[in-house]
Amino acid sequence: MKILYCNVREMDEYNGYVIDGYHGGGSYTENKVPLEVNNFTRHGNLYYGYVQSTHDTINIQKNFGASPNSDSIDNVLVVWVCHQSKIVGFYIDATVYRNKQPIPNNIAAQRSKCEGAGYNIITKQAILIPSDKRKIAVTGMGRCNIWYGNDDMDQKVLKYLQDYQKSLNDYICSVEANSDIKGEEYECLVKQRVNQGVFREQILERFHCKCALCSVSNASFLIASHIKPWSKSDPNEKLSIFNGLLLCPNHDKLFDKGYISFSDNGQIMISNQLSDTDKLFLNVNDKMRIPDEFICEEMKVYLHYHRQYFKG
C-alpha cells in the first residue's frame, strides 16, 4: 500500500479559518491564512488537502512508482500528523499530485481570504480524529513535512486506522440502525439516539449544562442538537462538538424549524413569521445571544450553514 505522511499545523477542525490556536510553521495565503486550514472541509464529495513541500512538489515518481509524465498518483493513504507527530486524520484512497494545484474558482468563492491557496492531495473519504482523541504519534518522521514511512510504522498506523474506522462505523450505525423512515421523522429519531450517547455528554460539558439562550439548567430538559443536521453531515461533522448546540425544548424546536438562527457573533436572528405573542410564550427576544465563550471560528462554519434554512 502506498502511504504518505504529511506534517501540518495542529488545529481542532481544519474546516474553516482559525485566528489562534494552531502550532507549527508552514505556508500561508496572501492574507496570512494557513493553507491547510480547509483540509477537512468537504466541497461536494471532495476534500482538498495541502501539505507544504519543497518547491511545492511531491516526488510521486521515486516513492510511488508513477511514470515520469504522470501528474498524479491514485490510491494513496495519506496520514495527517501535527505538533509532536500526533495523528490528526486520514485521507483514504487519495490522489496525490506532483505539483501544487490551484483551488477551483467555485470553491474559492465559498471561502474567504484564500488568495494564493492551493492543494496537492484530494480524496472522497476523509477521517478527522477529534482533538481530545489524538493520542497516537508517528515515530521516525522527525521534523520532515513529508515522509514515506517504514514497514513497522505503516503496520501500526494501518491497525490504528482499522480500529478507529470500526468504532466510528459502530457509533454511526447505532444511531442510524433499523431506520427506514425519512425526512423530519428520521432527524427526530437521530436526535433521540444522539441524546443517549457520548455526543450529548460532550455538549452538556461544553455548555456547562445550561441552555445556550436561557436559564434552563436541568439536564433532563436540555437537548443536544446538531447545528448542521446529521443527515447533511459527513462522519467528521457528526462527531464535532463545534457542530453542537445545547438548548431547552422550546428553543431547540425553533432552531430545528428555522424560526431562529444566529449570526457569526452569536446574536439571535428571529423569523418575522413569529408574532409578538409567539415570541412571548416561546421566550425569545432580540437581546438573546450565544455567550461569547462558546463562539469560535470552527462553530461559525456550522452557524453559516444553518442560516441558509432560516425563515427570515
Foldseek 3Di string as FASTA:
>chain_A
DFEKEFEDWDDQALCAFAPDDTDDDADAAPLRTHQSSNQPHDDPQKGFGAGDDVVQFDCCCVRVVDDPPDQKDWQYKYFYAYVQQFTFKIAGRKIFGGGWAADDPVVVVVGPRQHPHTGGMMHRDMTGDGPVPRDDGQPPCPPDRMDRDDDVRVVVVVVVVVVVVVVLVVVVCQLQPPDPDDDPVSLVSSQVRCCVDDLVVVLCVLLVQAAQWDGDRDNVQKGKAFLQGPVPDDSNSVNDNLRIGIHGPLVVVCLVQQQWAAALQFFIDGAPVQDPVNCVVSVDDRVTGRDNVSRGRSNSVSSVVSNVNHRD
